Amino acid sequence: MNFVEELRWRGMLQDIMPGTEEQLQKEQTTAYVGIDPTADSLHIGHLCGIMMLRHLQRCGHKPIALIGGATGMIGDPSGKSAERNLLTEETLRHNQECIKKQLGKFLDFDSDAPNAAELVNNYDWMKDFTFLDFAREIGKLITVNYMMAKDSVKKRFNGEYSQGMSFTEFTYQLLQGYDFVYLNEHKNCLMQMGGSDQWGNITTGIELMRKMNGKTAFALTCPLITKADGGKFGKTESGNIWLDRRYTSPYKFYQFWLNVSDADAERYIKIFTSLPKDEIDALIAEHQEAPHLRLLQKRLAKEVTVMVHSEDDYNAAVEASNILFGNATADALHRLDEETLLQVFDGVPQFEICREELENGIDPLELLAGKTQIFPSRNEARKMIQSNGVSLNKEKLTDIQKPITVEALLNGKYMLFQRGKKNYFLVVAK
């Protein structure tokens, strides 16, 4: 497979250094992507870079994921309006271990194949590099004029956030540039990849390599992923969409992809899956014939959820979605854990009742029209029950005389009432 051509048709190619495609076609090539370890989980903003490494490995080349332990202690000014908090070594090491586990779902680190992926941390070669040595060996090779010309620096000085930048951040591009030199010398790495906002840092590395070793290096970047409406990709009202279930549950993760627009689904299925071109083209054509079926979104959500989490998590997310939007069974509702239950019914009206009253049993009409306001009156509640229009936990409520007790509680705490087809109400026993 031609790696550059693979990125090109997927819409994942922005800038490319002359000679890069020829180098990749000539021989197996080692390339790296830098990953910022400021959290102990990746989020979907990292996915494009990770998918570049995944496609690189599938095309027979060797990927290196570089954890920026040293650079993470400083902070990359690219696209940032202010300096970030500096992290301790202990925190960075913890984050690195968590990130490697996540990357293992995308890349083959463990086989004995010649292009098995590797994980490195630039802290390991920067921690003993003294300031004087760095200034003598690296600092003298790149002029301040060259560094000031970079967009990431100019924007911080001239943009709306014109508070300038510290010397610490100013040195970032030299540190990242030296990573490229080090990986070339120790791993025979010839190419760096990243988002288009990294082009300035990447080209500094190429310049450093030329001056230090007289070597030619290569690079390519992917465009920054945005939404069709120009909004920021991966950001929701509740923040980032994380790959770790502790921060974003598989259900919410699945829902994010399921709810993207048609235009975004058409782009994202190329970028965030490994599906081949002919299959994606067929899916797009099928989707355009019946957009209301949301075939693209469903397939995109499946592929990414299975890749990041698992087939079981995907199936559970679909089942949870069907509880709200489909004809799910009572068994499916009872299988939901508390966190997913609350996420599925986030936004539906909620009422609180005293758990002790359920111990003795509550008359259904009293519960529906007295203890809660699910119905405005007992008479209306009675008529709706008699016409099979009320469900409790996805089962029809038919016996007006039978008290409702704690046995009806989901997860020992919740009852889900449904009035008609679309009106849900969550009753919380406290």
Protein backbone atom coordinates (compact mmCIF):
# COMPACT_ATOMS: atom_id res chain seq x y z
CA MET A 1 0.00 0.00 0.00
CA ASN A 2 1.16 3.53 -0.79
CA PHE A 3 1.01 5.37 2.53
CA VAL A 4 0.86 8.89 1.08
CA GLU A 5 -1.88 7.87 -1.34
CA GLU A 6 -3.77 6.24 1.56
CA LEU A 7 -3.66 9.50 3.53
CA ARG A 8 -4.54 11.56 0.46
CA TRP A 9 -7.82 9.81 -0.37
CA ARG A 10 -8.76 9.78 3.33
CA GLY A 11 -8.39 13.59 3.52
CA MET A 12 -5.52 13.24 5.99
CA LEU A 13 -2.74 15.01 4.09
CA GLN A 14 -2.01 18.72 4.46
CA ASP A 15 1.73 19.48 4.09
CA ILE A 16 4.41 17.15 2.75
CA MET A 17 8.15 17.68 2.46
CA PRO A 18 9.51 17.16 -1.08
CA GLY A 19 10.90 13.65 -1.53
CA THR A 20 8.77 12.12 1.25
CA GLU A 21 6.61 9.96 -1.02
CA GLU A 22 9.66 8.71 -2.94
CA GLN A 23 11.40 7.77 0.34
CA LEU A 24 8.38 5.80 1.53
CA GLN A 25 8.15 3.90 -1.75
CA LYS A 26 11.88 3.14 -1.73
CA GLU A 27 12.15 1.27 1.60
CA GLN A 28 10.60 0.58 4.99
CA THR A 29 10.76 3.93 6.77
CA THR A 30 10.54 4.76 10.46
CA ALA A 31 8.33 7.74 11.36
CA TYR A 32 7.10 9.23 14.59
CA VAL A 33 4.27 11.28 16.04
CA GLY A 34 4.63 13.20 19.29
CA ILE A 35 1.94 12.84 21.95
CA ASP A 36 1.47 15.31 24.78
CA PRO A 37 1.22 13.43 28.12
CA THR A 38 -0.60 16.13 30.09
CA ALA A 39 -3.43 13.69 31.00
CA ASP A 40 -3.57 9.96 31.72
CA SER A 41 -5.89 9.40 28.79
CA LEU A 42 -5.90 10.35 25.15
CA HIS A 43 -8.97 12.09 23.75
CA ILE A 44 -10.38 12.03 20.24
CA GLY A 45 -8.32 15.09 19.34
CA HIS A 46 -5.34 12.69 19.36
CA LEU A 47 -7.05 10.17 17.09
CA CYS A 48 -5.96 11.62 13.75
CA GLY A 49 -2.26 11.37 14.67
CA ILE A 50 -2.78 7.87 16.04
CA MET A 51 -4.58 6.80 12.86
CA MET A 52 -1.63 8.14 10.83
CA LEU A 53 0.64 5.79 12.79
CA ARG A 54 -1.85 2.95 12.32
CA HIS A 55 -2.03 3.44 8.54
CA LEU A 56 1.77 3.78 8.43
CA GLN A 57 2.18 0.37 10.08
CA ARG A 58 -0.47 -1.20 7.84
CA CYS A 59 1.53 0.06 4.86
CA GLY A 60 4.63 -1.79 6.08
CA HIS A 61 6.51 1.07 7.74
CA LYS A 62 7.63 1.37 11.37
CA PRO A 63 5.74 3.73 13.73
CA ILE A 64 7.18 5.36 16.82
CA ALA A 65 4.88 7.03 19.34
CA LEU A 66 6.87 9.64 21.23
CA ILE A 67 5.55 10.61 24.63
CA GLY A 68 6.63 14.19 25.27
CA GLY A 69 7.72 13.79 28.89
CA ALA A 70 10.32 16.55 28.63
CA THR A 71 8.39 18.81 26.28
CA GLY A 72 5.26 18.16 28.36
CA MET A 73 7.07 19.74 31.28
CA ILE A 74 7.31 22.95 29.25
CA GLY A 75 4.26 23.11 27.02
CA ASP A 76 3.92 23.60 23.29
CA PRO A 77 2.90 27.17 22.38
CA SER A 78 1.32 26.02 19.08
CA GLY A 79 -2.34 27.04 19.09
CA LYS A 80 -2.23 27.95 22.78
CA SER A 81 -3.16 31.31 24.20
CA ALA A 82 -1.41 30.81 27.53
CA GLU A 83 1.23 28.68 29.19
CA ARG A 84 0.12 25.37 30.62
CA ASN A 85 0.79 23.95 34.06
CA LEU A 86 4.08 22.11 34.44
CA LEU A 87 3.83 18.43 35.46
CA THR A 88 5.98 16.36 37.82
CA GLU A 89 7.99 13.37 36.58
CA GLU A 90 5.81 10.99 38.64
CA THR A 91 2.64 12.30 36.97
CA LEU A 92 4.21 12.11 33.51
CA ARG A 93 5.32 8.47 34.04
CA HIS A 94 1.82 7.51 35.19
CA ASN A 95 0.31 9.23 32.15
CA GLN A 96 2.77 7.46 29.84
CA GLU A 97 1.79 4.00 31.09
CA CYS A 98 -1.92 4.76 30.65
CA ILE A 99 -1.37 6.15 27.15
CA LYS A 100 0.65 3.10 26.05
CA LYS A 101 -2.24 0.81 27.01
CA GLN A 102 -4.58 2.87 24.86
CA LEU A 103 -2.16 2.94 21.91
CA GLY A 104 -1.92 -0.86 22.07
CA LYS A 105 -5.46 -1.00 20.67
CA PHE A 106 -4.32 0.77 17.50
CA LEU A 107 -0.73 -0.35 17.00
CA ASP A 108 1.19 -3.62 17.16
CA PHE A 109 3.87 -3.14 19.83
CA ASP A 110 4.38 -6.78 20.78
CA SER A 111 5.10 -8.81 17.65
CA ASP A 112 8.58 -9.60 16.34
CA ALA A 113 7.76 -8.00 12.98
CA PRO A 114 10.47 -5.64 11.70
CA ASN A 115 7.92 -2.80 11.72
CA ALA A 116 6.60 -3.39 15.24
CA ALA A 117 5.67 -0.10 16.90
CA GLU A 118 7.80 1.44 19.63
CA LEU A 119 7.00 3.85 22.44
CA VAL A 120 9.66 6.32 23.58
CA ASN A 121 9.73 9.23 26.03
CA ASN A 122 11.87 12.26 25.29
CA TYR A 123 12.39 12.77 29.03
CA ASP A 124 14.75 9.78 28.93
CA TRP A 125 17.28 11.58 26.74
CA MET A 126 16.62 15.13 27.90
CA LYS A 127 16.80 14.64 31.69
CA ASP A 128 20.63 14.55 31.81
CA PHE A 129 21.16 17.18 29.12
CA THR A 130 22.52 20.22 30.97
CA PHE A 131 21.46 23.71 30.00
CA LEU A 132 25.03 24.65 29.05
CA ASP A 133 25.42 21.60 26.82
CA PHE A 134 22.06 22.26 25.16
CA ALA A 135 22.94 25.92 24.56
CA ARG A 136 26.35 24.99 23.07
CA GLU A 137 25.27 22.00 20.96
CA ILE A 138 21.75 22.92 19.87
CA GLY A 139 21.05 26.57 20.62
CA LYS A 140 23.90 27.87 18.48
CA LEU A 141 22.59 26.10 15.35
CA ILE A 142 19.23 27.86 15.01
CA THR A 143 18.94 31.64 14.87
CA VAL A 144 16.41 33.64 16.87
CA ASN A 145 15.23 35.14 13.56
CA TYR A 146 14.39 31.62 12.30
CA MET A 147 12.50 30.80 15.50
CA MET A 148 10.60 34.10 15.55
CA ALA A 149 9.37 33.52 11.98
CA LYS A 150 7.33 30.46 13.05
CA ASP A 151 3.56 30.96 13.07
CA SER A 152 3.21 29.45 16.55
CA VAL A 153 5.53 32.16 17.90
CA LYS A 154 4.22 35.06 15.81
CA LYS A 155 0.61 34.39 16.82
CA ARG A 156 1.48 34.58 20.49
CA PHE A 157 3.19 37.94 20.01
CA ASN A 158 0.86 39.53 17.49
CA GLY A 159 -2.52 37.86 17.98
CA GLU A 160 -5.41 38.69 20.25
CA TYR A 161 -3.49 37.10 23.12
CA SER A 162 -0.49 39.42 22.85
CA GLN A 163 0.94 38.76 26.30
CA GLY A 164 4.05 37.22 24.74
CA MET A 165 5.68 33.98 25.82
CA SER A 166 8.32 32.89 28.29
CA PHE A 167 11.83 31.83 27.32
CA THR A 168 10.83 28.33 28.47
CA GLU A 169 8.11 28.05 25.85
CA PHE A 170 10.25 29.79 23.26
CA THR A 171 12.76 26.92 23.49
CA TYR A 172 10.04 24.33 22.79
CA GLN A 173 10.72 24.09 19.08
CA LEU A 174 14.42 23.42 19.76
CA LEU A 175 13.53 20.59 22.13
CA GLN A 176 11.10 19.06 19.64
CA GLY A 177 13.65 19.53 16.88
CA TYR A 178 16.27 17.69 18.91
CA ASP A 179 13.84 14.77 19.39
CA PHE A 180 13.95 14.24 15.64
CA VAL A 181 17.77 14.30 15.64
CA TYR A 182 17.93 11.83 18.56
CA LEU A 183 15.44 9.41 17.00
CA ASN A 184 17.33 9.56 13.73
CA GLU A 185 20.63 8.73 15.42
CA HIS A 186 19.24 5.97 17.68
CA LYS A 187 16.23 4.58 15.79
CA ASN A 188 17.07 5.50 12.17
CA CYS A 189 13.88 7.60 12.14
CA LEU A 190 13.63 9.62 8.93
CA MET A 191 10.16 11.13 9.12
CA GLN A 192 8.03 13.12 11.54
CA MET A 193 4.25 13.43 11.31
CA GLY A 194 1.70 15.55 13.16
CA GLY A 195 -1.10 18.06 12.87
CA SER A 196 -0.66 21.00 10.53
CA ASP A 197 -0.14 23.30 13.54
CA GLN A 198 3.12 21.38 14.16
CA TRP A 199 4.66 22.18 10.76
CA GLY A 200 6.90 24.91 12.19
CA ASN A 201 8.25 22.67 14.96
CA ILE A 202 8.73 19.79 12.51
CA THR A 203 10.70 21.86 10.01
CA THR A 204 12.95 23.10 12.83
CA GLY A 205 13.83 19.45 13.46
CA ILE A 206 14.63 18.93 9.79
CA GLU A 207 16.86 22.01 9.82
CA LEU A 208 18.63 20.81 12.97
CA MET A 209 19.26 17.38 11.45
CA ARG A 210 20.73 18.94 8.33
CA LYS A 211 23.05 21.16 10.36
CA MET A 212 24.12 18.53 12.91
CA ASN A 213 24.41 15.42 10.75
CA GLY A 214 24.13 16.62 7.17
CA LYS A 215 21.11 14.33 6.70
CA THR A 216 17.92 14.79 4.71
CA ALA A 217 14.73 14.17 6.67
CA PHE A 218 11.08 14.01 5.70
CA ALA A 219 7.75 15.14 7.07
CA LEU A 220 4.04 15.31 6.48
CA THR A 221 1.10 16.69 8.39
CA CYS A 222 -2.65 16.12 8.52
CA PRO A 223 -5.16 18.97 8.53
CA LEU A 224 -6.62 20.01 11.86
CA ILE A 225 -9.97 18.27 12.15
CA THR A 226 -12.96 20.57 12.45
CA LYS A 227 -16.72 20.17 12.23
CA ALA A 228 -18.55 21.10 9.04
CA ASP A 229 -20.01 24.15 10.80
CA GLY A 230 -16.52 25.35 11.72
CA GLY A 231 -16.80 24.31 15.36
CA LYS A 232 -14.04 22.58 17.27
CA PHE A 233 -13.96 18.82 16.75
CA GLY A 234 -14.25 16.63 19.84
CA LYS A 235 -15.49 19.32 22.22
CA THR A 236 -18.91 18.99 23.83
CA GLU A 237 -20.68 20.93 26.55
CA SER A 238 -19.18 18.54 29.08
CA GLY A 239 -15.65 18.86 27.66
CA ASN A 240 -13.40 16.48 25.74
CA ILE A 241 -14.46 13.05 24.48
CA TRP A 242 -11.88 10.79 26.12
CA LEU A 243 -10.75 7.29 25.14
CA ASP A 244 -10.76 6.17 28.78
CA ARG A 245 -14.13 4.97 30.07
CA ARG A 246 -13.42 6.65 33.44
CA TYR A 247 -13.87 10.03 31.75
CA THR A 248 -16.21 9.22 28.85
CA SER A 249 -18.35 6.09 29.09
CA PRO A 250 -18.59 3.80 26.03
CA TYR A 251 -22.26 4.84 25.74
CA LYS A 252 -21.43 8.56 25.55
CA PHE A 253 -18.50 7.82 23.25
CA TYR A 254 -20.78 5.88 20.91
CA GLN A 255 -23.41 8.61 21.02
CA PHE A 256 -20.86 11.27 20.04
CA TRP A 257 -20.10 9.52 16.74
CA LEU A 258 -23.72 8.55 16.16
CA ASN A 259 -24.83 12.18 16.37
CA VAL A 260 -22.36 13.80 13.95
CA SER A 261 -23.80 15.53 10.88
CA ASP A 262 -23.98 13.83 7.47
CA ALA A 263 -21.15 15.99 6.12
CA ASP A 264 -18.94 15.19 9.11
CA ALA A 265 -19.76 11.46 9.00
CA GLU A 266 -18.61 11.34 5.39
CA ARG A 267 -15.23 12.84 6.36
CA TYR A 268 -14.79 11.11 9.69
CA ILE A 269 -15.39 7.58 8.43
CA LYS A 270 -12.35 8.02 6.16
CA ILE A 271 -10.16 9.51 8.88
CA PHE A 272 -11.09 7.49 11.95
CA THR A 273 -11.57 3.97 10.57
CA SER A 274 -9.45 1.51 8.62
CA LEU A 275 -12.26 0.60 6.23
CA PRO A 276 -11.04 0.33 2.60
CA LYS A 277 -11.94 2.92 -0.02
CA ASP A 278 -14.40 0.79 -2.02
CA GLU A 279 -16.38 -0.10 1.12
CA ILE A 280 -16.51 3.54 2.27
CA ASP A 281 -17.56 4.73 -1.21
CA ALA A 282 -20.37 2.14 -1.22
CA LEU A 283 -21.48 3.22 2.28
CA ILE A 284 -21.55 6.89 1.26
CA ALA A 285 -23.61 6.10 -1.85
CA GLU A 286 -26.05 3.99 0.18
CA HIS A 287 -26.32 6.71 2.83
CA GLN A 288 -27.08 9.40 0.25
CA GLU A 289 -30.04 7.36 -1.05
CA ALA A 290 -31.63 7.24 2.41
CA PRO A 291 -29.97 9.80 4.73
CA HIS A 292 -32.70 9.39 7.36
CA LEU A 293 -31.41 5.87 8.12
CA ARG A 294 -28.06 7.38 9.20
CA LEU A 295 -26.12 4.39 7.87
CA LEU A 296 -22.84 6.32 7.83
CA GLN A 297 -23.16 7.49 11.40
CA LYS A 298 -24.09 4.00 12.61
CA ARG A 299 -21.14 2.36 10.87
CA LEU A 300 -18.74 5.10 11.99
CA ALA A 301 -19.93 4.80 15.60
CA LYS A 302 -19.54 1.02 15.47
CA GLU A 303 -16.03 1.01 13.99
CA VAL A 304 -14.60 3.61 16.35
CA THR A 305 -16.32 2.26 19.50
CA VAL A 306 -15.14 -1.31 18.83
CA MET A 307 -11.61 -0.07 18.08
CA VAL A 308 -11.33 2.10 21.20
CA HIS A 309 -13.39 -0.04 23.60
CA SER A 310 -14.67 -3.48 22.52
CA GLU A 311 -17.40 -5.31 20.64
CA ASP A 312 -19.21 -5.95 23.94
CA ASP A 313 -19.10 -2.26 24.84
CA TYR A 314 -20.46 -1.38 21.40
CA ASN A 315 -23.32 -3.88 21.74
CA ALA A 316 -24.14 -2.53 25.22
CA ALA A 317 -24.16 1.04 23.88
CA VAL A 318 -26.53 0.08 21.05
CA GLU A 319 -28.80 -1.71 23.50
CA ALA A 320 -28.80 1.32 25.80
CA SER A 321 -29.66 3.59 22.86
CA ASN A 322 -32.55 1.32 21.91
CA ILE A 323 -34.06 1.69 25.37
CA LEU A 324 -34.71 5.35 24.68
CA PHE A 325 -35.28 5.30 20.93
CA GLY A 326 -36.34 1.74 20.10
CA ASN A 327 -38.37 -1.21 21.33
CA ALA A 328 -35.98 -2.46 23.99
CA THR A 329 -37.05 -5.08 26.51
CA ALA A 330 -37.33 -4.79 30.26
CA ASP A 331 -34.35 -7.16 30.54
CA ALA A 332 -32.18 -4.70 28.62
CA LEU A 333 -33.21 -1.91 30.99
CA HIS A 334 -32.38 -4.02 34.05
CA ARG A 335 -28.91 -4.77 32.64
CA LEU A 336 -27.95 -1.09 32.55
CA ASP A 337 -25.47 0.07 35.17
CA GLU A 338 -26.38 3.21 37.10
CA GLU A 339 -23.98 5.49 35.20
CA THR A 340 -25.31 4.47 31.79
CA LEU A 341 -28.91 4.61 32.98
CA LEU A 342 -28.44 8.23 34.07
CA GLN A 343 -26.68 9.09 30.80
CA VAL A 344 -29.41 7.51 28.67
CA PHE A 345 -32.10 9.45 30.51
CA ASP A 346 -30.14 12.65 31.00
CA GLY A 347 -32.58 15.52 30.53
CA VAL A 348 -35.84 13.62 31.14
CA PRO A 349 -38.02 14.95 33.99
CA GLN A 350 -37.05 13.55 37.39
CA PHE A 351 -39.02 13.23 40.61
CA GLU A 352 -37.87 12.21 44.07
CA ILE A 353 -39.82 10.09 46.51
CA CYS A 354 -39.06 8.72 49.95
CA ARG A 355 -37.72 5.16 49.82
CA GLU A 356 -39.46 4.29 53.09
CA GLU A 357 -42.85 4.78 51.44
CA LEU A 358 -41.96 2.14 48.87
CA GLU A 359 -41.10 -0.29 51.67
CA ASN A 360 -44.80 -0.39 52.52
CA GLY A 361 -45.96 -0.03 48.92
CA ILE A 362 -47.48 3.00 47.17
CA ASP A 363 -50.76 3.06 45.29
CA PRO A 364 -49.91 3.53 41.54
CA LEU A 365 -52.32 6.46 41.10
CA GLU A 366 -50.95 8.18 44.20
CA LEU A 367 -47.41 7.74 42.90
CA LEU A 368 -48.21 9.01 39.38
CA ALA A 369 -50.40 11.97 40.31
CA GLY A 370 -49.67 12.68 43.98
CA LYS A 371 -46.08 11.91 44.92
CA THR A 372 -44.97 12.99 41.41
CA GLN A 373 -46.49 15.11 38.66
CA ILE A 374 -46.21 12.53 35.89
CA PHE A 375 -49.98 13.03 35.49
CA PRO A 376 -51.93 16.14 36.44
CA SER A 377 -54.68 14.06 38.09
CA ARG A 378 -55.45 10.56 39.38
CA ASN A 379 -58.35 10.35 36.93
CA GLU A 380 -56.09 10.99 33.93
CA ALA A 381 -53.55 8.47 35.22
CA ARG A 382 -56.32 5.85 35.60
CA LYS A 383 -57.60 6.37 32.04
CA MET A 384 -54.09 6.13 30.57
CA ILE A 385 -53.33 2.93 32.49
CA GLN A 386 -56.63 1.38 31.41
CA SER A 387 -55.79 2.14 27.77
CA ASN A 388 -52.33 0.48 28.10
CA GLY A 389 -50.56 3.84 27.83
CA VAL A 390 -48.31 3.62 30.90
CA SER A 391 -45.18 1.50 31.38
CA LEU A 392 -43.02 0.95 34.44
CA ASN A 393 -39.47 -0.16 33.63
CA LYS A 394 -40.52 -1.05 30.06
CA GLU A 395 -43.43 -3.26 31.16
CA LYS A 396 -47.08 -2.22 30.84
CA LEU A 397 -48.66 -1.08 34.08
CA THR A 398 -52.07 -2.77 34.16
CA ASP A 399 -53.12 -3.37 37.78
CA ILE A 400 -54.28 -0.14 39.43
CA GLN A 401 -54.84 -1.99 42.71
CA LYS A 402 -51.33 -3.48 43.06
CA PRO A 403 -48.99 -1.30 45.17
CA ILE A 404 -45.58 -0.37 43.75
CA THR A 405 -42.75 -1.45 46.08
CA VAL A 406 -38.93 -1.37 46.31
CA GLU A 407 -38.87 -4.45 44.07
CA ALA A 408 -39.56 -2.13 41.14
CA LEU A 409 -36.34 -0.17 41.70
CA LEU A 410 -33.58 -0.33 39.08
CA ASN A 411 -30.10 -0.44 40.64
CA GLY A 412 -31.91 -0.25 43.97
CA LYS A 413 -32.75 3.40 43.37
CA TYR A 414 -34.65 4.26 40.16
CA MET A 415 -37.99 3.67 38.44
CA LEU A 416 -38.57 4.53 34.79
CA PHE A 417 -42.11 5.50 33.84
CA GLN A 418 -43.22 5.94 30.25
CA ARG A 419 -46.37 7.87 29.37
CA GLY A 420 -47.37 7.15 25.79
CA LYS A 421 -44.56 6.39 23.35
CA LYS A 422 -42.11 9.24 23.89
CA ASN A 423 -42.58 10.72 27.34
CA TYR A 424 -40.15 9.33 29.93
CA PHE A 425 -39.94 10.15 33.64
CA LEU A 426 -37.29 9.00 36.11
CA VAL A 427 -38.36 8.55 39.73
CA VAL A 428 -35.52 8.49 42.25
CA ALA A 429 -36.05 6.81 45.64
CA LYS A 430 -34.02 8.47 48.42
